[in-house]
């Protein structure tokens, strides 16, 4: 049995997420999570290695989302732009429909 945590088909769901990028330590990378009218969220941005940076992430707002006995977190992903590997920089985009616990 899965427990739905985030359903990005709802436009308001993306508002519960905030970017946490390397700017917190002086870098210049930028990212965001936004709702797409096609019914999913898009995590996108630019990763830069300048000024000792190199990461982009998003974090949901705090909340009770645990599920005792959960063994997996299921992330439904649509299109993927450029996947950034360690030590690389560039633009990325990732379409996310839902996140569930199983």
PDB file of N, CA and C in Angstrom:
ATOM      1  N   UNK A   1       0.853  -1.174   0.000  1.00  0.00           N
ATOM      2  CA  UNK A   1       0.000   0.000   0.000  1.00  0.00           C
ATOM      3  C   UNK A   1       0.897   1.234   0.000  1.00  0.00           C
ATOM      4  N   UNK A   2       0.658   2.135  -0.906  1.00  0.00           N
ATOM      5  CA  UNK A   2       1.454   3.348  -0.959  1.00  0.00           C
ATOM      6  C   UNK A   2       0.708   4.509  -0.297  1.00  0.00           C
ATOM      7  N   UNK A   3       1.473   5.473   0.187  1.00  0.00           N
ATOM      8  CA  UNK A   3       0.921   6.680   0.787  1.00  0.00           C
ATOM      9  C   UNK A   3       1.414   7.864  -0.043  1.00  0.00           C
ATOM     10  N   UNK A   4       0.508   8.562  -0.659  1.00  0.00           N
ATOM     11  CA  UNK A   4       0.861   9.699  -1.494  1.00  0.00           C
ATOM     12  C   UNK A   4       1.353  10.847  -0.622  1.00  0.00           C
ATOM     13  N   UNK A   5       2.546  11.346  -0.906  1.00  0.00           N
ATOM     14  CA  UNK A   5       3.104  12.464  -0.157  1.00  0.00           C
ATOM     15  C   UNK A   5       2.876  13.792  -0.867  1.00  0.00           C
ATOM     16  N   UNK A   6       3.162  13.811  -2.165  1.00  0.00           N
ATOM     17  CA  UNK A   6       3.024  15.031  -2.956  1.00  0.00           C
ATOM     18  C   UNK A   6       2.426  14.678  -4.307  1.00  0.00           C
ATOM     19  N   UNK A   7       1.370  15.359  -4.691  1.00  0.00           N
ATOM     20  CA  UNK A   7       0.744  15.169  -5.993  1.00  0.00           C
ATOM     21  C   UNK A   7       0.894  16.483  -6.755  1.00  0.00           C
ATOM     22  N   UNK A   8       1.866  16.520  -7.647  1.00  0.00           N
ATOM     23  CA  UNK A   8       2.189  17.749  -8.356  1.00  0.00           C
ATOM     24  C   UNK A   8       1.213  18.094  -9.471  1.00  0.00           C
ATOM     25  N   UNK A   9       0.171  17.274  -9.625  1.00  0.00           N
ATOM     26  CA  UNK A   9      -0.888  17.669 -10.548  1.00  0.00           C
ATOM     27  C   UNK A   9      -1.676  18.843  -9.963  1.00  0.00           C
ATOM     28  N   UNK A  10      -1.618  18.988  -8.633  1.00  0.00           N
ATOM     29  CA  UNK A  10      -2.237  20.129  -7.945  1.00  0.00           C
ATOM     30  C   UNK A  10      -1.263  21.307  -8.027  1.00  0.00           C
ATOM     31  N   UNK A  11      -1.643  22.416  -8.639  1.00  0.00           N
ATOM     32  CA  UNK A  11      -0.737  23.554  -8.809  1.00  0.00           C
ATOM     33  C   UNK A  11      -0.170  24.110  -7.502  1.00  0.00           C
ATOM     34  N   UNK A  12      -0.884  23.972  -6.398  1.00  0.00           N
ATOM     35  CA  UNK A  12      -0.421  24.537  -5.136  1.00  0.00           C
ATOM     36  C   UNK A  12       0.667  23.709  -4.455  1.00  0.00           C
ATOM     37  N   UNK A  13       0.823  22.454  -4.857  1.00  0.00           N
ATOM     38  CA  UNK A  13       1.799  21.578  -4.213  1.00  0.00           C
ATOM     39  C   UNK A  13       3.221  22.106  -4.353  1.00  0.00           C
ATOM     40  N   UNK A  14       3.566  22.678  -5.485  1.00  0.00           N
ATOM     41  CA  UNK A  14       4.925  23.189  -5.702  1.00  0.00           C
ATOM     42  C   UNK A  14       5.254  24.340  -4.752  1.00  0.00           C
ATOM     43  N   UNK A  15       4.236  25.018  -4.224  1.00  0.00           N
ATOM     44  CA  UNK A  15       4.476  26.130  -3.302  1.00  0.00           C
ATOM     45  C   UNK A  15       5.064  25.672  -1.973  1.00  0.00           C
ATOM     46  N   UNK A  16       4.974  24.382  -1.667  1.00  0.00           N
ATOM     47  CA  UNK A  16       5.489  23.846  -0.411  1.00  0.00           C
ATOM     48  C   UNK A  16       6.979  23.504  -0.478  1.00  0.00           C
ATOM     49  N   UNK A  17       7.646  23.861  -1.573  1.00  0.00           N
ATOM     50  CA  UNK A  17       9.049  23.522  -1.780  1.00  0.00           C
ATOM     51  C   UNK A  17       9.879  24.786  -1.937  1.00  0.00           C
ATOM     52  N   UNK A  18      11.125  24.735  -1.458  1.00  0.00           N
ATOM     53  CA  UNK A  18      12.037  25.883  -1.564  1.00  0.00           C
ATOM     54  C   UNK A  18      13.410  25.407  -2.040  1.00  0.00           C
ATOM     55  N   UNK A  19      14.067  26.236  -2.836  1.00  0.00           N
ATOM     56  CA  UNK A  19      15.407  25.915  -3.336  1.00  0.00           C
ATOM     57  C   UNK A  19      16.441  26.058  -2.224  1.00  0.00           C
ATOM     58  N   UNK A  20      17.351  25.094  -2.155  1.00  0.00           N
ATOM     59  CA  UNK A  20      18.516  25.144  -1.273  1.00  0.00           C
ATOM     60  C   UNK A  20      19.708  24.872  -2.183  1.00  0.00           C
ATOM     61  N   UNK A  21      20.384  25.931  -2.599  1.00  0.00           N
ATOM     62  CA  UNK A  21      21.478  25.802  -3.558  1.00  0.00           C
ATOM     63  C   UNK A  21      22.808  26.177  -2.908  1.00  0.00           C
ATOM     64  N   UNK A  22      23.875  26.077  -3.702  1.00  0.00           N
ATOM     65  CA  UNK A  22      25.199  26.390  -3.170  1.00  0.00           C
ATOM     66  C   UNK A  22      25.363  27.859  -2.779  1.00  0.00           C
ATOM     67  N   UNK A  23      24.366  28.687  -3.051  1.00  0.00           N
ATOM     68  CA  UNK A  23      24.423  30.088  -2.632  1.00  0.00           C
ATOM     69  C   UNK A  23      24.499  30.206  -1.115  1.00  0.00           C
ATOM     70  N   UNK A  24      24.041  29.160  -0.395  1.00  0.00           N
ATOM     71  CA  UNK A  24      24.117  29.192   1.065  1.00  0.00           C
ATOM     72  C   UNK A  24      25.564  29.207   1.546  1.00  0.00           C
ATOM     73  N   UNK A  25      26.516  28.882   0.653  1.00  0.00           N
ATOM     74  CA  UNK A  25      27.934  28.897   1.018  1.00  0.00           C
ATOM     75  C   UNK A  25      28.768  29.678   0.002  1.00  0.00           C
ATOM     76  N   UNK A  26      28.145  30.638  -0.681  1.00  0.00           N
ATOM     77  CA  UNK A  26      28.892  31.526  -1.566  1.00  0.00           C
ATOM     78  C   UNK A  26      28.872  31.186  -3.037  1.00  0.00           C
ATOM     79  N   UNK A  27      28.248  30.063  -3.438  1.00  0.00           N
ATOM     80  CA  UNK A  27      28.185  29.688  -4.853  1.00  0.00           C
ATOM     81  C   UNK A  27      27.151  30.517  -5.600  1.00  0.00           C
ATOM     82  N   UNK A  28      27.027  30.244  -6.912  1.00  0.00           N
ATOM     83  CA  UNK A  28      26.092  31.026  -7.730  1.00  0.00           C
ATOM     84  C   UNK A  28      25.085  30.150  -8.482  1.00  0.00           C
ATOM     85  N   UNK A  29      24.983  28.866  -8.146  1.00  0.00           N
ATOM     86  CA  UNK A  29      23.993  27.996  -8.773  1.00  0.00           C
ATOM     87  C   UNK A  29      22.591  28.449  -8.370  1.00  0.00           C
ATOM     88  N   UNK A  30      21.618  28.173  -9.253  1.00  0.00           N
ATOM     89  CA  UNK A  30      20.234  28.565  -8.973  1.00  0.00           C
ATOM     90  C   UNK A  30      19.297  27.453  -9.433  1.00  0.00           C
ATOM     91  N   UNK A  31      18.271  27.214  -8.632  1.00  0.00           N
ATOM     92  CA  UNK A  31      17.264  26.224  -9.018  1.00  0.00           C
ATOM     93  C   UNK A  31      15.908  26.647  -8.478  1.00  0.00           C
ATOM     94  N   UNK A  32      14.882  25.951  -8.968  1.00  0.00           N
ATOM     95  CA  UNK A  32      13.528  26.186  -8.464  1.00  0.00           C
ATOM     96  C   UNK A  32      12.671  24.975  -8.798  1.00  0.00           C
ATOM     97  N   UNK A  33      11.564  24.862  -8.092  1.00  0.00           N
ATOM     98  CA  UNK A  33      10.547  23.867  -8.398  1.00  0.00           C
ATOM     99  C   UNK A  33       9.293  24.652  -8.735  1.00  0.00           C
ATOM    100  N   UNK A  34       8.753  24.423  -9.912  1.00  0.00           N
ATOM    101  CA  UNK A  34       7.568  25.149 -10.350  1.00  0.00           C
ATOM    102  C   UNK A  34       6.538  24.173 -10.883  1.00  0.00           C
ATOM    103  N   UNK A  35       5.281  24.592 -10.852  1.00  0.00           N
ATOM    104  CA  UNK A  35       4.200  23.790 -11.412  1.00  0.00           C
ATOM    105  C   UNK A  35       4.138  24.034 -12.913  1.00  0.00           C
ATOM    106  N   UNK A  36       3.940  22.974 -13.661  1.00  0.00           N
ATOM    107  CA  UNK A  36       3.747  23.074 -15.106  1.00  0.00           C
ATOM    108  C   UNK A  36       2.271  22.805 -15.394  1.00  0.00           C
ATOM    109  N   UNK A  37       1.631  23.601 -16.247  1.00  0.00           N
ATOM    110  CA  UNK A  37       0.209  23.412 -16.547  1.00  0.00           C
ATOM    111  C   UNK A  37      -0.131  22.025 -17.107  1.00  0.00           C
ATOM    112  N   UNK A  38       0.862  21.271 -17.562  1.00  0.00           N
ATOM    113  CA  UNK A  38       0.609  19.914 -18.072  1.00  0.00           C
ATOM    114  C   UNK A  38       0.341  18.922 -16.942  1.00  0.00           C
ATOM    115  N   UNK A  39       0.470  19.375 -15.684  1.00  0.00           N
ATOM    116  CA  UNK A  39       0.122  18.510 -14.557  1.00  0.00           C
ATOM    117  C   UNK A  39       1.276  17.874 -13.834  1.00  0.00           C
ATOM    118  N   UNK A  40       2.414  18.532 -13.780  1.00  0.00           N
ATOM    119  CA  UNK A  40       3.551  18.019 -13.029  1.00  0.00           C
ATOM    120  C   UNK A  40       4.395  19.195 -12.537  1.00  0.00           C
ATOM    121  N   UNK A  41       5.355  18.894 -11.684  1.00  0.00           N
ATOM    122  CA  UNK A  41       6.303  19.911 -11.230  1.00  0.00           C
ATOM    123  C   UNK A  41       7.564  19.790 -12.070  1.00  0.00           C
ATOM    124  N   UNK A  42       8.274  20.888 -12.194  1.00  0.00           N
ATOM    125  CA  UNK A  42       9.549  20.901 -12.901  1.00  0.00           C
ATOM    126  C   UNK A  42      10.608  21.434 -11.944  1.00  0.00           C
ATOM    127  N   UNK A  43      11.614  20.611 -11.669  1.00  0.00           N
ATOM    128  CA  UNK A  43      12.786  21.039 -10.903  1.00  0.00           C
ATOM    129  C   UNK A  43      13.818  21.413 -11.942  1.00  0.00           C
ATOM    130  N   UNK A  44      14.218  22.686 -11.966  1.00  0.00           N
ATOM    131  CA  UNK A  44      15.110  23.156 -13.017  1.00  0.00           C
ATOM    132  C   UNK A  44      16.079  24.192 -12.479  1.00  0.00           C
ATOM    133  N   UNK A  45      17.130  24.424 -13.227  1.00  0.00           N
ATOM    134  CA  UNK A  45      18.080  25.444 -12.831  1.00  0.00           C
ATOM    135  C   UNK A  45      19.398  25.343 -13.548  1.00  0.00           C
ATOM    136  N   UNK A  46      20.371  26.055 -13.015  1.00  0.00           N
ATOM    137  CA  UNK A  46      21.736  26.077 -13.528  1.00  0.00           C
ATOM    138  C   UNK A  46      22.686  25.747 -12.387  1.00  0.00           C
ATOM    139  N   UNK A  47      23.567  24.790 -12.615  1.00  0.00           N
ATOM    140  CA  UNK A  47      24.590  24.450 -11.635  1.00  0.00           C
ATOM    141  C   UNK A  47      25.902  25.044 -12.120  1.00  0.00           C
ATOM    142  N   UNK A  48      26.600  25.750 -11.225  1.00  0.00           N
ATOM    143  CA  UNK A  48      27.877  26.377 -11.546  1.00  0.00           C
ATOM    144  C   UNK A  48      28.935  25.905 -10.550  1.00  0.00           C
ATOM    145  N   UNK A  49      30.141  25.680 -11.049  1.00  0.00           N
ATOM    146  CA  UNK A  49      31.250  25.302 -10.175  1.00  0.00           C
ATOM    147  C   UNK A  49      32.032  26.525  -9.705  1.00  0.00           C
ATOM    148  N   UNK A  50      31.638  27.710 -10.173  1.00  0.00           N
ATOM    149  CA  UNK A  50      32.328  28.933  -9.776  1.00  0.00           C
ATOM    150  C   UNK A  50      32.141  29.189  -8.288  1.00  0.00           C
ATOM    151  N   UNK A  51      33.133  29.846  -7.696  1.00  0.00           N
ATOM    152  CA  UNK A  51      33.126  30.237  -6.288  1.00  0.00           C
ATOM    153  C   UNK A  51      32.893  29.035  -5.367  1.00  0.00           C
ATOM    154  N   UNK A  52      33.513  27.914  -5.740  1.00  0.00           N
ATOM    155  CA  UNK A  52      33.447  26.673  -4.950  1.00  0.00           C
ATOM    156  C   UNK A  52      32.035  26.142  -4.797  1.00  0.00           C
ATOM    157  N   UNK A  53      31.173  26.390  -5.780  1.00  0.00           N
ATOM    158  CA  UNK A  53      29.802  25.900  -5.748  1.00  0.00           C
ATOM    159  C   UNK A  53      29.694  24.556  -6.435  1.00  0.00           C
ATOM    160  N   UNK A  54      28.458  24.199  -6.762  1.00  0.00           N
ATOM    161  CA  UNK A  54      28.268  22.977  -7.509  1.00  0.00           C
ATOM    162  C   UNK A  54      27.087  22.132  -7.102  1.00  0.00           C
ATOM    163  N   UNK A  55      26.079  22.709  -6.404  1.00  0.00           N
ATOM    164  CA  UNK A  55      24.904  21.891  -6.138  1.00  0.00           C
ATOM    165  C   UNK A  55      23.632  22.726  -6.172  1.00  0.00           C
ATOM    166  N   UNK A  56      22.553  22.051  -6.500  1.00  0.00           N
ATOM    167  CA  UNK A  56      21.220  22.640  -6.515  1.00  0.00           C
ATOM    168  C   UNK A  56      20.262  21.596  -5.964  1.00  0.00           C
ATOM    169  N   UNK A  57      19.341  22.029  -5.107  1.00  0.00           N
ATOM    170  CA  UNK A  57      18.395  21.092  -4.524  1.00  0.00           C
ATOM    171  C   UNK A  57      17.124  21.832  -4.131  1.00  0.00           C
ATOM    172  N   UNK A  58      16.096  21.071  -3.842  1.00  0.00           N
ATOM    173  CA  UNK A  58      14.863  21.634  -3.303  1.00  0.00           C
ATOM    174  C   UNK A  58      14.475  20.827  -2.077  1.00  0.00           C
ATOM    175  N   UNK A  59      13.772  21.497  -1.181  1.00  0.00           N
ATOM    176  CA  UNK A  59      13.346  20.852   0.058  1.00  0.00           C
ATOM    177  C   UNK A  59      11.888  21.201   0.304  1.00  0.00           C
ATOM    178  N   UNK A  60      11.116  20.224   0.733  1.00  0.00           N
ATOM    179  CA  UNK A  60       9.708  20.491   1.059  1.00  0.00           C
ATOM    180  C   UNK A  60       9.608  21.147   2.427  1.00  0.00           C
ATOM    181  N   UNK A  61       8.477  21.783   2.657  1.00  0.00           N
ATOM    182  CA  UNK A  61       8.227  22.365   3.966  1.00  0.00           C
ATOM    183  C   UNK A  61       8.090  21.239   4.984  1.00  0.00           C
ATOM    184  N   UNK A  62       8.372  21.513   6.260  1.00  0.00           N
ATOM    185  CA  UNK A  62       8.228  20.471   7.285  1.00  0.00           C
ATOM    186  C   UNK A  62       6.780  19.977   7.376  1.00  0.00           C
ATOM    187  N   UNK A  63       6.629  18.732   7.735  1.00  0.00           N
ATOM    188  CA  UNK A  63       5.297  18.169   7.902  1.00  0.00           C
ATOM    189  C   UNK A  63       5.373  16.711   8.307  1.00  0.00           C
ATOM    190  N   UNK A  64       4.267  16.173   8.754  1.00  0.00           N
ATOM    191  CA  UNK A  64       4.188  14.764   9.124  1.00  0.00           C
ATOM    192  C   UNK A  64       3.998  13.948   7.856  1.00  0.00           C
ATOM    193  N   UNK A  65       5.067  13.354   7.366  1.00  0.00           N
ATOM    194  CA  UNK A  65       4.985  12.609   6.109  1.00  0.00           C
ATOM    195  C   UNK A  65       5.533  11.193   6.219  1.00  0.00           C
ATOM    196  N   UNK A  66       5.931  10.807   7.399  1.00  0.00           N
ATOM    197  CA  UNK A  66       6.488   9.477   7.563  1.00  0.00           C
ATOM    198  C   UNK A  66       5.421   8.401   7.462  1.00  0.00           C
ATOM    199  N   UNK A  67       5.860   7.192   7.192  1.00  0.00           N
ATOM    200  CA  UNK A  67       4.959   6.039   7.156  1.00  0.00           C
ATOM    201  C   UNK A  67       5.701   4.886   7.816  1.00  0.00           C
ATOM    202  N   UNK A  68       5.292   4.503   9.033  1.00  0.00           N
ATOM    203  CA  UNK A  68       5.966   3.393   9.698  1.00  0.00           C
ATOM    204  C   UNK A  68       6.005   2.154   8.800  1.00  0.00           C
ATOM    205  N   UNK A  69       7.172   1.560   8.697  1.00  0.00           N
ATOM    206  CA  UNK A  69       7.332   0.354   7.884  1.00  0.00           C
ATOM    207  C   UNK A  69       7.567   0.603   6.413  1.00  0.00           C
ATOM    208  N   UNK A  70       7.616   1.857   6.000  1.00  0.00           N
ATOM    209  CA  UNK A  70       7.867   2.149   4.581  1.00  0.00           C
ATOM    210  C   UNK A  70       9.236   1.616   4.193  1.00  0.00           C
ATOM    211  N   UNK A  71       9.300   1.045   3.005  1.00  0.00           N
ATOM    212  CA  UNK A  71      10.551   0.473   2.524  1.00  0.00           C
ATOM    213  C   UNK A  71      11.102   1.206   1.316  1.00  0.00           C
ATOM    214  N   UNK A  72      10.314   2.098   0.730  1.00  0.00           N
ATOM    215  CA  UNK A  72      10.778   2.778  -0.472  1.00  0.00           C
ATOM    216  C   UNK A  72      10.092   4.126  -0.618  1.00  0.00           C
ATOM    217  N   UNK A  73      10.754   5.011  -1.316  1.00  0.00           N
ATOM    218  CA  UNK A  73      10.164   6.278  -1.720  1.00  0.00           C
ATOM    219  C   UNK A  73      10.072   6.231  -3.241  1.00  0.00           C
ATOM    220  N   UNK A  74       8.866   6.357  -3.757  1.00  0.00           N
ATOM    221  CA  UNK A  74       8.625   6.241  -5.191  1.00  0.00           C
ATOM    222  C   UNK A  74       8.469   7.644  -5.770  1.00  0.00           C
ATOM    223  N   UNK A  75       9.311   7.984  -6.725  1.00  0.00           N
ATOM    224  CA  UNK A  75       9.243   9.283  -7.389  1.00  0.00           C
ATOM    225  C   UNK A  75       8.911   9.033  -8.854  1.00  0.00           C
ATOM    226  N   UNK A  76       7.751   9.521  -9.285  1.00  0.00           N
ATOM    227  CA  UNK A  76       7.336   9.351 -10.682  1.00  0.00           C
ATOM    228  C   UNK A  76       7.929  10.490 -11.494  1.00  0.00           C
ATOM    229  N   UNK A  77       8.803  10.135 -12.420  1.00  0.00           N
ATOM    230  CA  UNK A  77       9.530  11.121 -13.212  1.00  0.00           C
ATOM    231  C   UNK A  77       9.114  11.022 -14.664  1.00  0.00           C
ATOM    232  N   UNK A  78       8.889  12.175 -15.273  1.00  0.00           N
ATOM    233  CA  UNK A  78       8.582  12.242 -16.706  1.00  0.00           C
ATOM    234  C   UNK A  78       9.857  12.528 -17.469  1.00  0.00           C
ATOM    235  N   UNK A  79       9.870  13.612 -18.208  1.00  0.00           N
ATOM    236  CA  UNK A  79      11.035  13.985 -19.000  1.00  0.00           C
ATOM    237  C   UNK A  79      12.186  14.427 -18.120  1.00  0.00           C
ATOM    238  N   UNK A  80      13.379  14.145 -18.590  1.00  0.00           N
ATOM    239  CA  UNK A  80      14.585  14.599 -17.924  1.00  0.00           C
ATOM    240  C   UNK A  80      15.365  15.421 -18.926  1.00  0.00           C
ATOM    241  N   UNK A  81      15.772  16.616 -18.509  1.00  0.00           N
ATOM    242  CA  UNK A  81      16.638  17.433 -19.354  1.00  0.00           C
ATOM    243  C   UNK A  81      18.037  16.867 -19.263  1.00  0.00           C
ATOM    244  N   UNK A  82      19.000  17.674 -18.984  1.00  0.00           N
ATOM    245  CA  UNK A  82      20.379  17.232 -18.826  1.00  0.00           C
ATOM    246  C   UNK A  82      20.595  16.810 -17.387  1.00  0.00           C
ATOM    247  N   UNK A  83      21.034  15.589 -17.188  1.00  0.00           N
ATOM    248  CA  UNK A  83      21.370  15.153 -15.829  1.00  0.00           C
ATOM    249  C   UNK A  83      22.798  15.594 -15.536  1.00  0.00           C
ATOM    250  N   UNK A  84      22.998  16.224 -14.412  1.00  0.00           N
ATOM    251  CA  UNK A  84      24.303  16.741 -14.036  1.00  0.00           C
ATOM    252  C   UNK A  84      25.021  15.713 -13.168  1.00  0.00           C
ATOM    253  N   UNK A  85      26.219  15.334 -13.579  1.00  0.00           N
ATOM    254  CA  UNK A  85      27.019  14.402 -12.800  1.00  0.00           C
ATOM    255  C   UNK A  85      27.995  15.192 -11.927  1.00  0.00           C
ATOM    256  N   UNK A  86      28.532  14.542 -10.915  1.00  0.00           N
ATOM    257  CA  UNK A  86      29.489  15.199 -10.023  1.00  0.00           C
ATOM    258  C   UNK A  86      30.639  15.784 -10.830  1.00  0.00           C
ATOM    259  N   UNK A  87      30.996  17.009 -10.513  1.00  0.00           N
ATOM    260  CA  UNK A  87      32.116  17.655 -11.185  1.00  0.00           C
ATOM    261  C   UNK A  87      31.743  18.347 -12.480  1.00  0.00           C
ATOM    262  N   UNK A  88      30.475  18.382 -12.851  1.00  0.00           N
ATOM    263  CA  UNK A  88      30.032  19.028 -14.079  1.00  0.00           C
ATOM    264  C   UNK A  88      29.127  20.200 -13.741  1.00  0.00           C
ATOM    265  N   UNK A  89      28.936  21.068 -14.714  1.00  0.00           N
ATOM    266  CA  UNK A  89      28.043  22.210 -14.534  1.00  0.00           C
ATOM    267  C   UNK A  89      27.151  22.319 -15.748  1.00  0.00           C
ATOM    268  N   UNK A  90      26.026  23.010 -15.617  1.00  0.00           N
ATOM    269  CA  UNK A  90      25.144  23.213 -16.753  1.00  0.00           C
ATOM    270  C   UNK A  90      23.698  23.323 -16.334  1.00  0.00           C
ATOM    271  N   UNK A  91      22.813  23.363 -17.338  1.00  0.00           N
ATOM    272  CA  UNK A  91      21.379  23.490 -17.115  1.00  0.00           C
ATOM    273  C   UNK A  91      20.772  22.110 -16.901  1.00  0.00           C
ATOM    274  N   UNK A  92      19.740  22.043 -16.077  1.00  0.00           N
ATOM    275  CA  UNK A  92      19.038  20.774 -15.871  1.00  0.00           C
ATOM    276  C   UNK A  92      17.554  21.037 -15.723  1.00  0.00           C
ATOM    277  N   UNK A  93      16.743  20.018 -15.994  1.00  0.00           N
ATOM    278  CA  UNK A  93      15.303  20.068 -15.780  1.00  0.00           C
ATOM    279  C   UNK A  93      14.810  18.651 -15.553  1.00  0.00           C
ATOM    280  N   UNK A  94      13.888  18.482 -14.612  1.00  0.00           N
ATOM    281  CA  UNK A  94      13.352  17.180 -14.249  1.00  0.00           C
ATOM    282  C   UNK A  94      11.863  17.341 -13.985  1.00  0.00           C
ATOM    283  N   UNK A  95      11.021  16.594 -14.700  1.00  0.00           N
ATOM    284  CA  UNK A  95       9.570  16.646 -14.511  1.00  0.00           C
ATOM    285  C   UNK A  95       9.155  15.590 -13.494  1.00  0.00           C
ATOM    286  N   UNK A  96       8.416  15.994 -12.471  1.00  0.00           N
ATOM    287  CA  UNK A  96       7.995  15.088 -11.395  1.00  0.00           C
ATOM    288  C   UNK A  96       6.468  15.132 -11.287  1.00  0.00           C
ATOM    289  N   UNK A  97       5.826  13.959 -11.303  1.00  0.00           N
ATOM    290  CA  UNK A  97       4.373  13.890 -11.188  1.00  0.00           C
ATOM    291  C   UNK A  97       3.932  13.694  -9.745  1.00  0.00           C
ATOM    292  N   UNK A  98       4.463  12.663  -9.081  1.00  0.00           N
ATOM    293  CA  UNK A  98       4.054  12.363  -7.711  1.00  0.00           C
ATOM    294  C   UNK A  98       5.232  11.781  -6.926  1.00  0.00           C
ATOM    295  N   UNK A  99       5.173  11.945  -5.596  1.00  0.00           N
ATOM    296  CA  UNK A  99       6.119  11.296  -4.694  1.00  0.00           C
ATOM    297  C   UNK A  99       5.297  10.540  -3.654  1.00  0.00           C
ATOM    298  N   UNK A 100       5.587   9.249  -3.507  1.00  0.00           N
ATOM    299  CA  UNK A 100       4.825   8.383  -2.585  1.00  0.00           C
ATOM    300  C   UNK A 100       5.782   7.552  -1.737  1.00  0.00           C
ATOM    301  N   UNK A 101       5.282   7.043  -0.607  1.00  0.00           N
ATOM    302  CA  UNK A 101       6.008   6.070   0.197  1.00  0.00           C
ATOM    303  C   UNK A 101       5.366   4.705   0.008  1.00  0.00           C
ATOM    304  N   UNK A 102       6.199   3.693  -0.064  1.00  0.00           N
ATOM    305  CA  UNK A 102       5.690   2.332  -0.231  1.00  0.00           C
ATOM    306  C   UNK A 102       6.271   1.422   0.822  1.00  0.00           C
TER     307      UNK A 102
END
